[in-house]
Every structure is written in C-alpha cells, then in structure tokens.
C-alpha cells in the first residue's frame, strides 16, 4: 500500500543511522520498513485519537525491540543515538498524521532499548 501522506512519503527515515557506519544499512533498512508499515497501519486504520494511536506505535516499538537483537548480533545496538533517531521519527509520524500532542515516551512506551 503506497503512503498517501505527502509529508511522510518525502521523509528520510532514520537518516542519522544511515550516515553512521556503526549501524549496518541492511538492519537500518529493516527499521525503516517497520516505520513504513506503521504509516500504512495508521492510514488504513485511521485512529481517531491518541488512545487509538498508541497501540499501533507500541506494536511497531515491539518490532524494534526484536530488531535490536539483530543489531547486537551484527556488533551494533540501538543505543543513545539510534534511540533518539527512532523516537524522533515516531514523533514525526504522529505529528504528520495530526497527533501533534502525542507524548513521544507513550509512543514508544514498550521499548527495551
């Protein structure tokens, strides 16, 4: 399903991670795919409020939790730089879909990185 939100479609997800050789591009690609799937879910389900949005973002966060294991296996990890970049992209998505009041910590509340 193509992303219809123009702001989101033109966004460079996880840009800082792609610029840093510490993060393997194939794994960053997987993280980008997680975010794109989240966009697709938001567009398909059109959550009416934050209470409906948060379960979607938390499910995507769980995918990042699993991806962190792959980063560790590759000699990397979701640490401070990656954590901030991922959180920023979650907030960007919430904002782009009209949820400017979203709490970034609530968006990624299930994170273990």
N, C-alpha and C. Protein backbone atom coordinates (compact mmCIF):
# COMPACT_ATOMS: atom_id res chain seq x y z
N UNK A 1 0.84 -1.17 0.00
CA UNK A 1 0.00 0.00 0.00
C UNK A 1 0.89 1.24 0.00
N UNK A 2 0.80 2.08 -1.01
CA UNK A 2 1.62 3.30 -1.03
C UNK A 2 1.16 4.30 0.02
N UNK A 3 2.13 5.01 0.58
CA UNK A 3 1.85 6.03 1.58
C UNK A 3 1.21 7.23 0.88
N UNK A 4 0.09 7.71 1.40
CA UNK A 4 -0.61 8.83 0.77
C UNK A 4 -0.29 10.18 1.41
N UNK A 5 0.23 10.18 2.62
CA UNK A 5 0.58 11.41 3.31
C UNK A 5 1.87 11.95 2.69
N UNK A 6 1.78 13.10 2.03
CA UNK A 6 2.92 13.66 1.31
C UNK A 6 4.10 13.97 2.23
N UNK A 7 3.83 14.46 3.43
CA UNK A 7 4.90 14.76 4.38
C UNK A 7 5.68 13.50 4.72
N UNK A 8 4.96 12.43 4.93
CA UNK A 8 5.58 11.17 5.31
C UNK A 8 6.31 10.55 4.12
N UNK A 9 5.69 10.59 2.97
CA UNK A 9 6.28 9.98 1.77
C UNK A 9 7.64 10.60 1.43
N UNK A 10 7.82 11.87 1.74
CA UNK A 10 9.08 12.54 1.43
C UNK A 10 10.09 12.54 2.56
N UNK A 11 9.77 11.89 3.66
CA UNK A 11 10.65 11.92 4.84
C UNK A 11 11.76 10.89 4.73
N UNK A 12 12.95 11.27 5.12
CA UNK A 12 14.11 10.36 5.15
C UNK A 12 14.21 9.69 6.51
N UNK A 13 13.52 8.58 6.68
CA UNK A 13 13.52 7.88 7.96
C UNK A 13 14.91 7.40 8.35
N UNK A 14 15.22 7.55 9.64
CA UNK A 14 16.46 7.05 10.23
C UNK A 14 17.71 7.57 9.54
N UNK A 15 17.65 8.80 9.06
CA UNK A 15 18.74 9.39 8.28
C UNK A 15 20.08 9.37 9.02
N UNK A 16 20.07 9.68 10.30
CA UNK A 16 21.32 9.71 11.06
C UNK A 16 21.96 8.32 11.15
N UNK A 17 21.13 7.30 11.18
CA UNK A 17 21.67 5.93 11.26
C UNK A 17 22.31 5.51 9.95
N UNK A 18 21.72 5.95 8.84
CA UNK A 18 22.32 5.64 7.54
C UNK A 18 23.67 6.35 7.37
N UNK A 19 23.84 7.50 8.00
CA UNK A 19 25.09 8.25 7.87
C UNK A 19 26.20 7.71 8.76
N UNK A 20 25.86 6.83 9.70
CA UNK A 20 26.84 6.34 10.67
C UNK A 20 27.14 4.87 10.39
N UNK A 21 28.38 4.56 10.08
CA UNK A 21 28.78 3.21 9.74
C UNK A 21 28.61 2.19 10.87
N UNK A 22 28.37 2.66 12.09
CA UNK A 22 28.16 1.76 13.22
C UNK A 22 26.88 0.93 13.05
N UNK A 23 25.94 1.48 12.30
CA UNK A 23 24.65 0.82 12.11
C UNK A 23 24.62 0.19 10.72
N UNK A 24 24.56 -1.14 10.64
CA UNK A 24 24.54 -1.80 9.32
C UNK A 24 23.31 -1.40 8.51
N UNK A 25 23.54 -0.93 7.30
CA UNK A 25 22.44 -0.47 6.44
C UNK A 25 21.31 -1.50 6.29
N UNK A 26 21.62 -2.80 6.13
CA UNK A 26 20.50 -3.74 5.98
C UNK A 26 19.58 -3.77 7.21
N UNK A 27 20.15 -3.54 8.39
CA UNK A 27 19.33 -3.50 9.60
C UNK A 27 18.58 -2.17 9.72
N UNK A 28 19.23 -1.10 9.31
CA UNK A 28 18.55 0.20 9.29
C UNK A 28 17.39 0.13 8.29
N UNK A 29 17.61 -0.56 7.17
CA UNK A 29 16.52 -0.77 6.20
C UNK A 29 15.33 -1.45 6.87
N UNK A 30 15.61 -2.45 7.71
CA UNK A 30 14.52 -3.14 8.42
C UNK A 30 13.78 -2.18 9.35
N UNK A 31 14.53 -1.30 10.01
CA UNK A 31 13.91 -0.30 10.87
C UNK A 31 13.03 0.65 10.06
N UNK A 32 13.53 1.05 8.91
CA UNK A 32 12.74 1.92 8.03
C UNK A 32 11.45 1.22 7.61
N UNK A 33 11.54 -0.07 7.31
CA UNK A 33 10.36 -0.84 6.93
C UNK A 33 9.34 -0.91 8.07
N UNK A 34 9.83 -1.02 9.30
CA UNK A 34 8.93 -1.00 10.45
C UNK A 34 8.15 0.30 10.47
N UNK A 35 8.84 1.41 10.26
CA UNK A 35 8.18 2.72 10.28
C UNK A 35 7.21 2.87 9.12
N UNK A 36 7.57 2.36 7.96
CA UNK A 36 6.66 2.44 6.82
C UNK A 36 5.41 1.58 7.03
N UNK A 37 5.59 0.41 7.64
CA UNK A 37 4.42 -0.41 7.97
C UNK A 37 3.52 0.30 8.97
N UNK A 38 4.13 1.01 9.91
CA UNK A 38 3.34 1.79 10.87
C UNK A 38 2.53 2.85 10.13
N UNK A 39 3.13 3.53 9.17
CA UNK A 39 2.41 4.51 8.36
C UNK A 39 1.22 3.87 7.66
N UNK A 40 1.46 2.71 7.08
CA UNK A 40 0.38 2.01 6.38
C UNK A 40 -0.76 1.66 7.33
N UNK A 41 -0.41 1.22 8.53
CA UNK A 41 -1.46 0.90 9.52
C UNK A 41 -2.23 2.14 9.93
N UNK A 42 -1.51 3.24 10.15
CA UNK A 42 -2.18 4.48 10.53
C UNK A 42 -3.14 4.91 9.42
N UNK A 43 -2.69 4.83 8.19
CA UNK A 43 -3.54 5.24 7.07
C UNK A 43 -4.72 4.28 6.89
N UNK A 44 -4.51 3.01 7.12
CA UNK A 44 -5.58 2.03 6.93
C UNK A 44 -6.59 2.07 8.08
N UNK A 45 -6.10 2.25 9.30
CA UNK A 45 -6.98 2.19 10.46
C UNK A 45 -7.50 3.55 10.91
N UNK A 46 -6.86 4.62 10.45
CA UNK A 46 -7.21 6.00 10.80
C UNK A 46 -7.63 6.16 12.27
N UNK A 47 -6.68 6.00 13.18
CA UNK A 47 -7.02 6.15 14.60
C UNK A 47 -7.64 7.52 14.87
N UNK A 48 -8.69 7.51 15.67
CA UNK A 48 -9.45 8.73 15.94
C UNK A 48 -8.80 9.61 17.00
N UNK A 49 -7.99 9.00 17.84
CA UNK A 49 -7.40 9.76 18.94
C UNK A 49 -6.11 9.08 19.39
N UNK A 50 -5.45 9.69 20.38
CA UNK A 50 -4.19 9.12 20.86
C UNK A 50 -4.37 7.73 21.47
N UNK A 51 -5.49 7.51 22.12
CA UNK A 51 -5.76 6.19 22.70
C UNK A 51 -5.78 5.11 21.63
N UNK A 52 -6.17 5.45 20.43
CA UNK A 52 -6.17 4.50 19.32
C UNK A 52 -4.82 4.45 18.60
N UNK A 53 -4.06 5.54 18.65
CA UNK A 53 -2.75 5.58 18.01
C UNK A 53 -1.70 4.81 18.80
N UNK A 54 -1.69 4.98 20.11
CA UNK A 54 -0.63 4.39 20.92
C UNK A 54 -0.48 2.88 20.75
N UNK A 55 -1.53 2.10 20.67
CA UNK A 55 -1.32 0.66 20.44
C UNK A 55 -0.61 0.36 19.11
N UNK A 56 -0.84 1.19 18.10
CA UNK A 56 -0.16 0.99 16.82
C UNK A 56 1.33 1.27 16.95
N UNK A 57 1.67 2.37 17.62
CA UNK A 57 3.08 2.73 17.75
C UNK A 57 3.79 1.76 18.69
N UNK A 58 3.09 1.27 19.68
CA UNK A 58 3.72 0.32 20.61
C UNK A 58 3.99 -1.01 19.92
N UNK A 59 3.12 -1.42 19.02
CA UNK A 59 3.36 -2.65 18.26
C UNK A 59 4.61 -2.48 17.39
N UNK A 60 4.77 -1.32 16.78
CA UNK A 60 5.97 -1.06 15.98
C UNK A 60 7.21 -1.02 16.88
N UNK A 61 7.05 -0.49 18.08
CA UNK A 61 8.17 -0.46 19.03
C UNK A 61 8.61 -1.87 19.37
N UNK A 62 7.65 -2.78 19.52
CA UNK A 62 7.98 -4.18 19.79
C UNK A 62 8.82 -4.77 18.65
N UNK A 63 8.52 -4.35 17.42
CA UNK A 63 9.32 -4.81 16.29
C UNK A 63 10.75 -4.29 16.40
N UNK A 64 10.91 -3.05 16.86
CA UNK A 64 12.26 -2.52 17.08
C UNK A 64 12.96 -3.27 18.21
N UNK A 65 12.21 -3.68 19.23
CA UNK A 65 12.81 -4.47 20.31
C UNK A 65 13.43 -5.74 19.73
N UNK A 66 12.72 -6.42 18.84
CA UNK A 66 13.23 -7.63 18.20
C UNK A 66 14.41 -7.30 17.29
N UNK A 67 14.33 -6.19 16.59
CA UNK A 67 15.41 -5.79 15.69
C UNK A 67 16.70 -5.50 16.46
N UNK A 68 16.58 -5.02 17.69
CA UNK A 68 17.76 -4.73 18.49
C UNK A 68 18.61 -5.98 18.67
N UNK A 69 17.98 -7.13 18.75
CA UNK A 69 18.75 -8.39 18.85
C UNK A 69 19.60 -8.61 17.61
N UNK A 70 19.06 -8.25 16.46
CA UNK A 70 19.82 -8.38 15.21
C UNK A 70 20.98 -7.39 15.18
N UNK A 71 20.75 -6.18 15.70
CA UNK A 71 21.84 -5.21 15.78
C UNK A 71 22.96 -5.75 16.66
N UNK A 72 22.61 -6.32 17.81
CA UNK A 72 23.62 -6.89 18.70
C UNK A 72 24.41 -7.99 18.01
N UNK A 73 23.72 -8.85 17.30
CA UNK A 73 24.39 -9.95 16.58
C UNK A 73 25.35 -9.42 15.53
N UNK A 74 25.09 -8.22 15.02
CA UNK A 74 25.94 -7.62 13.99
C UNK A 74 27.02 -6.71 14.59
N UNK A 75 27.13 -6.71 15.93
CA UNK A 75 28.15 -5.88 16.58
C UNK A 75 27.74 -4.44 16.75
N UNK A 76 26.47 -4.18 16.73
CA UNK A 76 25.92 -2.83 16.89
C UNK A 76 24.83 -2.92 17.95
N UNK A 77 24.10 -1.85 18.15
CA UNK A 77 22.97 -1.88 19.07
C UNK A 77 22.15 -0.61 18.91
N UNK A 78 20.93 -0.66 19.40
CA UNK A 78 20.11 0.55 19.46
C UNK A 78 20.48 1.23 20.77
N UNK A 79 21.41 2.17 20.67
CA UNK A 79 21.89 2.91 21.83
C UNK A 79 21.43 4.36 21.71
N UNK A 80 22.06 5.26 22.42
CA UNK A 80 21.56 6.63 22.55
C UNK A 80 21.26 7.30 21.22
N UNK A 81 22.19 7.29 20.29
CA UNK A 81 21.97 7.97 19.00
C UNK A 81 20.79 7.33 18.27
N UNK A 82 20.80 6.01 18.19
CA UNK A 82 19.72 5.31 17.49
C UNK A 82 18.39 5.51 18.21
N UNK A 83 18.40 5.43 19.53
CA UNK A 83 17.18 5.60 20.32
C UNK A 83 16.55 6.96 20.04
N UNK A 84 17.37 7.99 20.03
CA UNK A 84 16.85 9.34 19.78
C UNK A 84 16.33 9.49 18.36
N UNK A 85 17.03 8.91 17.40
CA UNK A 85 16.60 9.00 16.00
C UNK A 85 15.27 8.26 15.79
N UNK A 86 15.16 7.08 16.37
CA UNK A 86 13.92 6.31 16.24
C UNK A 86 12.77 7.05 16.92
N UNK A 87 13.01 7.52 18.13
CA UNK A 87 11.95 8.26 18.85
C UNK A 87 11.52 9.49 18.07
N UNK A 88 12.48 10.20 17.48
CA UNK A 88 12.15 11.39 16.69
C UNK A 88 11.28 11.02 15.49
N UNK A 89 11.58 9.91 14.84
CA UNK A 89 10.76 9.50 13.70
C UNK A 89 9.36 9.06 14.13
N UNK A 90 9.24 8.44 15.29
CA UNK A 90 7.91 8.10 15.80
C UNK A 90 7.11 9.39 16.03
N UNK A 91 7.75 10.38 16.65
CA UNK A 91 7.04 11.64 16.90
C UNK A 91 6.70 12.33 15.57
N UNK A 92 7.62 12.32 14.62
CA UNK A 92 7.35 12.90 13.31
C UNK A 92 6.10 12.27 12.70
N UNK A 93 6.02 10.94 12.75
CA UNK A 93 4.85 10.26 12.18
C UNK A 93 3.57 10.68 12.88
N UNK A 94 3.59 10.70 14.19
CA UNK A 94 2.40 11.11 14.94
C UNK A 94 1.98 12.51 14.52
N UNK A 95 2.94 13.40 14.45
CA UNK A 95 2.66 14.79 14.08
C UNK A 95 2.14 14.88 12.65
N UNK A 96 2.76 14.16 11.74
CA UNK A 96 2.36 14.21 10.33
C UNK A 96 0.94 13.70 10.12
N UNK A 97 0.49 12.83 11.01
CA UNK A 97 -0.87 12.30 10.90
C UNK A 97 -1.86 13.03 11.81
N UNK A 98 -1.44 14.20 12.32
CA UNK A 98 -2.37 15.05 13.06
C UNK A 98 -2.38 14.86 14.57
N UNK A 99 -1.42 14.13 15.09
CA UNK A 99 -1.36 13.90 16.53
C UNK A 99 -0.18 14.66 17.15
N UNK A 100 -0.19 15.97 16.97
CA UNK A 100 0.91 16.81 17.46
C UNK A 100 1.06 16.76 18.98
N UNK A 101 0.00 16.41 19.70
CA UNK A 101 0.05 16.35 21.16
C UNK A 101 0.54 15.00 21.68
N UNK A 102 0.96 14.12 20.79
CA UNK A 102 1.43 12.80 21.23
C UNK A 102 2.66 12.95 22.12
N UNK A 103 2.71 12.13 23.13
CA UNK A 103 3.85 12.07 24.03
C UNK A 103 4.81 11.01 23.48
N UNK A 104 6.01 11.43 23.14
CA UNK A 104 6.95 10.50 22.50
C UNK A 104 7.23 9.30 23.40
N UNK A 105 7.27 9.50 24.70
CA UNK A 105 7.51 8.37 25.60
C UNK A 105 6.35 7.39 25.58
N UNK A 106 5.15 7.88 25.38
CA UNK A 106 3.99 7.00 25.25
C UNK A 106 3.99 6.28 23.90
N UNK A 107 4.47 6.97 22.87
CA UNK A 107 4.53 6.35 21.54
C UNK A 107 5.41 5.10 21.56
N UNK A 108 6.49 5.17 22.31
CA UNK A 108 7.47 4.06 22.35
C UNK A 108 7.56 3.44 23.74
N UNK A 109 6.46 3.44 24.45
CA UNK A 109 6.45 3.01 25.85
C UNK A 109 6.93 1.58 26.05
N UNK A 110 6.80 0.73 25.07
CA UNK A 110 7.19 -0.68 25.24
C UNK A 110 8.65 -0.94 24.85
N UNK A 111 9.42 0.09 24.63
CA UNK A 111 10.80 -0.12 24.19
C UNK A 111 11.65 -0.72 25.31
N UNK A 112 12.61 -1.52 24.90
CA UNK A 112 13.59 -2.03 25.86
C UNK A 112 15.02 -1.71 25.39
N UNK A 113 15.13 -0.63 24.65
CA UNK A 113 16.43 -0.16 24.18
C UNK A 113 16.62 1.27 24.64
